[in-house]
Protein backbone atom coordinates (compact mmCIF):
# COMPACT_ATOMS: atom_id res chain seq x y z
CA MET A 1 -47.70 -206.02 34.58
CA THR A 2 -47.84 -205.59 31.02
CA GLU A 3 -46.53 -208.54 28.60
CA ALA A 4 -43.54 -206.58 27.51
CA LEU A 5 -42.50 -205.80 31.21
CA SER A 6 -42.89 -209.63 32.21
CA LYS A 7 -40.69 -210.51 29.56
CA LYS A 8 -37.89 -208.06 30.52
CA LYS A 9 -34.69 -209.62 32.03
CA PRO A 10 -33.38 -207.92 35.19
CA LEU A 11 -30.21 -206.25 34.84
CA ILE A 12 -28.91 -208.42 37.93
CA TYR A 13 -28.36 -211.38 35.67
CA ALA A 14 -25.78 -209.77 33.86
CA LEU A 15 -23.82 -209.24 36.87
CA TYR A 16 -24.57 -213.06 37.94
CA ALA A 17 -23.02 -213.97 34.40
CA SER A 18 -19.89 -211.73 34.86
CA PRO A 19 -19.31 -211.28 38.69
CA LEU A 20 -17.53 -208.22 40.18
CA SER A 21 -16.70 -208.13 43.90
CA GLY A 22 -16.93 -204.95 45.84
CA PRO A 23 -13.06 -204.23 45.23
CA GLU A 24 -13.39 -204.99 41.69
CA VAL A 25 -16.12 -202.62 41.35
CA GLU A 26 -13.98 -199.84 42.90
CA VAL A 27 -10.87 -200.57 40.73
CA GLU A 28 -13.38 -200.30 37.71
CA SER A 29 -14.93 -197.19 38.86
CA PHE A 30 -11.27 -195.54 39.29
CA LYS A 31 -10.30 -196.45 35.63
CA ILE A 32 -13.61 -194.97 34.34
CA ILE A 33 -12.72 -191.74 36.38
CA ASP A 34 -9.30 -191.70 35.08
CA ARG A 35 -10.39 -192.11 31.57
CA GLU A 36 -13.22 -189.70 31.57
CA ALA A 37 -11.76 -186.88 33.72
CA PRO A 38 -11.28 -183.55 32.17
CA ARG A 39 -7.75 -182.07 31.96
CA HIS A 40 -6.39 -180.71 35.34
CA SER A 41 -3.26 -179.50 36.89
CA PHE A 42 -3.35 -181.60 40.05
CA SER A 43 -0.18 -183.46 41.04
CA PRO A 44 -0.25 -187.08 41.05
CA GLU A 45 -0.82 -187.08 44.99
CA GLU A 46 -3.53 -184.59 44.89
CA TRP A 47 -5.33 -186.44 42.12
CA GLN A 48 -5.50 -189.50 44.18
CA VAL A 49 -7.42 -187.42 46.91
CA VAL A 50 -9.72 -185.60 44.27
CA ARG A 51 -10.68 -188.72 42.15
CA ARG A 52 -11.75 -190.43 45.60
CA MET A 53 -14.01 -187.32 46.08
CA VAL A 54 -15.22 -187.87 42.59
CA HIS A 55 -15.84 -191.41 43.29
CA ALA A 56 -17.81 -190.47 46.39
CA THR A 57 -20.04 -188.09 44.57
CA GLY A 58 -20.13 -189.06 40.85
CA ASP A 59 -19.58 -185.52 40.01
CA PHE A 60 -16.35 -184.32 38.14
CA ASP A 61 -17.51 -180.66 39.07
CA ILE A 62 -15.63 -181.50 42.21
CA LEU A 63 -12.26 -180.87 40.02
CA GLU A 64 -13.33 -177.25 39.85
CA ALA A 65 -13.72 -176.54 43.71
CA ALA A 66 -10.85 -178.72 45.27
CA ARG A 67 -8.10 -176.87 46.75
CA PHE A 68 -4.85 -177.90 48.52
CA SER A 69 -2.34 -175.70 50.30
CA PRO A 70 1.40 -176.38 49.69
CA GLY A 71 2.48 -179.28 51.45
CA ALA A 72 -0.90 -180.46 52.81
CA ILE A 73 -0.59 -184.12 51.73
CA SER A 74 2.95 -184.45 53.01
CA SER A 75 1.98 -182.97 56.24
CA ALA A 76 -1.28 -185.18 56.62
CA ILE A 77 0.86 -188.47 55.60
CA THR A 78 3.34 -187.64 58.51
CA ALA A 79 0.45 -187.14 60.86
CA LEU A 80 -1.36 -190.36 59.72
CA ARG A 81 1.86 -192.54 60.12
CA GLU A 82 2.41 -191.07 63.62
CA GLY A 83 -1.01 -191.98 64.61
CA ALA A 84 -2.31 -188.22 65.02
CA PRO A 85 -5.69 -187.81 66.77
CA ILE A 86 -8.52 -187.18 63.95
CA PHE A 87 -10.98 -184.46 65.11
CA THR A 88 -14.45 -184.56 63.30
CA ASP A 89 -17.21 -182.19 63.48
CA SER A 90 -19.89 -184.63 63.29
CA ASN A 91 -20.39 -188.42 64.47
CA MET A 92 -21.43 -189.07 60.96
CA ILE A 93 -17.77 -188.57 59.89
CA ARG A 94 -16.54 -190.37 62.79
CA SER A 95 -18.56 -193.42 62.25
CA GLY A 96 -17.74 -193.40 58.55
CA LEU A 97 -13.96 -193.60 59.00
CA SER A 98 -12.50 -197.04 58.28
CA LEU A 99 -10.33 -198.09 61.05
CA ALA A 100 -9.04 -200.81 58.86
CA ARG A 101 -7.89 -198.29 56.44
CA LEU A 102 -6.09 -196.20 59.45
CA ARG A 103 -4.53 -199.30 60.89
CA SER A 104 -2.89 -200.04 57.36
CA VAL A 105 -1.06 -196.85 58.16
CA PHE A 106 -0.65 -196.76 61.98
CA ALA A 107 -1.42 -199.99 63.72
CA GLY A 108 -2.34 -198.22 66.90
CA TYR A 109 -5.21 -196.25 65.57
CA ASP A 110 -8.49 -196.91 67.60
CA ALA A 111 -11.77 -195.49 68.30
CA HIS A 112 -10.39 -193.27 71.06
CA ARG A 113 -8.04 -191.52 68.41
CA LEU A 114 -11.21 -190.48 66.51
CA ILE A 115 -12.68 -187.49 68.49
CA CYS A 116 -16.07 -185.94 68.13
CA HIS A 117 -17.78 -184.01 70.99
CA VAL A 118 -21.10 -182.83 69.51
CA ALA A 119 -23.10 -185.43 71.51
CA ASP A 120 -21.40 -184.77 74.77
CA GLU A 121 -23.57 -183.72 77.59
CA ASP A 122 -21.56 -180.74 78.68
CA VAL A 123 -21.33 -179.56 75.17
CA MET A 124 -25.01 -179.95 74.43
CA ARG A 125 -25.79 -178.03 77.85
CA GLN A 126 -23.36 -175.16 76.66
CA ALA A 127 -25.39 -175.09 73.34
CA ARG A 128 -28.73 -174.75 75.09
CA VAL A 129 -27.52 -172.11 77.39
CA LYS A 130 -25.89 -169.89 74.92
CA GLY A 131 -28.04 -170.56 71.98
CA LEU A 132 -25.35 -171.58 69.65
CA PRO A 133 -24.63 -174.87 67.57
CA ARG A 134 -23.25 -177.71 69.69
CA SER A 135 -20.50 -177.96 66.83
CA LEU A 136 -18.75 -174.75 68.26
CA PHE A 137 -18.53 -176.09 71.83
CA GLY A 138 -17.28 -179.41 70.35
CA VAL A 139 -14.33 -178.00 68.78
CA CYS A 140 -13.56 -175.74 71.81
CA LYS A 141 -13.52 -179.00 74.02
CA ALA A 142 -11.15 -180.62 71.51
CA LYS A 143 -8.64 -177.86 71.77
CA PRO A 144 -5.92 -179.65 73.70
CA ILE A 145 -5.69 -182.37 71.17
CA LEU A 146 -5.98 -179.95 67.96
CA PRO A 147 -2.12 -179.10 67.64
CA GLY A 148 -0.85 -181.51 65.45
CA ALA A 149 -4.21 -183.26 64.79
CA ILE A 150 -5.98 -183.96 61.59
CA THR A 151 -9.27 -181.94 61.90
CA VAL A 152 -12.15 -182.75 59.43
CA PHE A 153 -15.08 -180.37 58.79
CA GLY A 154 -18.03 -181.65 56.67
CA ASN A 155 -21.10 -180.50 58.12
CA ALA A 156 -20.24 -177.43 60.73
CA PRO A 157 -18.96 -174.04 59.00
CA ILE A 158 -19.31 -172.46 62.64
CA ALA A 159 -17.00 -175.01 64.09
CA LEU A 160 -14.65 -174.35 61.18
CA MET A 161 -15.00 -170.59 62.14
CA GLU A 162 -13.80 -171.20 65.65
CA LEU A 163 -10.88 -173.24 64.70
CA ASN A 164 -9.85 -170.45 62.42
CA ARG A 165 -10.05 -168.05 65.33
CA MET A 166 -8.04 -170.30 67.33
CA ILE A 167 -5.41 -170.53 64.57
CA LEU A 168 -5.34 -166.68 64.23
CA GLU A 169 -5.41 -165.74 68.06
CA GLU A 170 -4.14 -168.77 69.94
CA ASN A 171 -1.54 -170.11 67.35
CA ILE A 172 -3.11 -173.52 67.15
CA ARG A 173 -1.64 -175.39 64.42
CA PRO A 174 -3.44 -178.58 63.23
CA ALA A 175 -1.23 -180.96 60.86
CA LEU A 176 -4.14 -180.62 58.36
CA VAL A 177 -7.66 -179.06 58.19
CA ILE A 178 -10.09 -180.64 55.89
CA ALA A 179 -12.49 -177.83 55.16
CA MET A 180 -15.80 -179.09 53.45
CA PRO A 181 -18.89 -178.16 55.37
CA VAL A 182 -21.92 -178.13 53.36
CA GLY A 183 -24.51 -175.37 53.20
CA PHE A 184 -25.73 -171.91 52.83
CA VAL A 185 -25.01 -170.00 55.98
CA HIS A 186 -21.19 -169.17 56.81
CA VAL A 187 -19.99 -172.03 54.66
CA VAL A 188 -18.38 -170.13 51.92
CA GLU A 189 -16.88 -167.47 54.33
CA SER A 190 -15.43 -170.15 56.75
CA LYS A 191 -13.53 -171.85 53.93
CA ARG A 192 -12.32 -168.70 52.26
CA GLU A 193 -10.95 -167.44 55.71
CA LEU A 194 -9.53 -170.86 56.55
CA MET A 195 -7.61 -170.84 52.84
CA SER A 196 -6.07 -167.55 53.95
CA LEU A 197 -4.28 -168.89 57.03
CA GLU A 198 -0.84 -170.50 57.21
CA VAL A 199 -2.09 -173.86 57.93
CA PRO A 200 -2.05 -177.07 55.84
CA TYR A 201 -5.52 -177.66 54.32
CA ILE A 202 -7.45 -179.49 51.80
CA ALA A 203 -10.75 -177.51 51.03
CA LEU A 204 -13.57 -177.52 48.63
CA ASP A 205 -14.51 -174.01 47.82
CA GLY A 206 -18.09 -172.99 47.72
CA ARG A 207 -21.12 -174.43 49.16
CA ARG A 208 -20.67 -178.19 48.35
CA GLY A 209 -19.17 -180.52 51.07
CA GLY A 210 -20.48 -183.02 53.33
CA SER A 211 -19.51 -186.13 55.38
CA PRO A 212 -18.96 -188.46 52.38
CA LEU A 213 -16.54 -186.12 50.97
CA ALA A 214 -14.54 -185.47 53.94
CA VAL A 215 -14.49 -189.21 54.94
CA SER A 216 -13.26 -190.06 51.23
CA VAL A 217 -10.21 -187.60 51.64
CA ILE A 218 -9.04 -189.43 54.79
CA HIS A 219 -9.28 -192.60 53.01
CA ALA A 220 -7.36 -191.39 50.00
CA LEU A 221 -4.77 -190.09 52.39
CA CYS A 222 -4.72 -193.56 53.94
CA SER A 223 -3.70 -195.11 50.67
CA LEU A 224 -0.95 -192.45 49.96
CA ALA A 225 0.41 -193.15 53.55
CA SER A 226 0.41 -196.84 53.41
CA PRO A 227 3.70 -198.76 53.85
CA GLY A 228 5.74 -198.77 50.70
CA LYS A 229 4.09 -195.74 49.24
CA ASN A 230 6.02 -192.38 49.02
CA LEU A 231 5.04 -189.15 47.51
CA SER A 232 6.56 -189.72 44.12
CA SER A 233 4.65 -193.13 43.64
């Protein structure tokens, strides 16, 4: 180690001198996001969702890709307050959802209301036999609970495409579709098809997406739906 480096004081000591808790760091982060965000046309409620996506990624380019259908947030808030089931396309999203946040909206939320079938034995068996992704059969297995549910896609565009088919051909109507699969194959097309349908959605146009973004949307909606909140606050 050089002499100059040995005399360098680690940055952590500045935090020790002026402590910030985790919640305080989050509050300060949102202040910075609000201060540095470019001009936009999102409603106050939409901005609560978008800025949490920015917080999850550190990327203001999210603003250019975020899409909301009319009434998406009000539909999501009603569903959360009624304890609607939440279907996820991956266990990563399911495990990332905070039960504490969900229970701040509806006390009855528990792990059984968070549904993901991709690791189920029957789903894996179907995928092997058909040579198709497990996520497709996972959304098929979830069909009985999809009407009125919040459906969350952060990974699997083919599962989103199957949901789109159900919406078109079987009149399945979720309370909200969070359409944020990430990748290069079928990703853009699956989102564009979803956004052409008459169903509430929050989507991220283009190839970007992923589990952290999808989770951040649910957590932002929980904040909006918490007791004492209304859509104009």
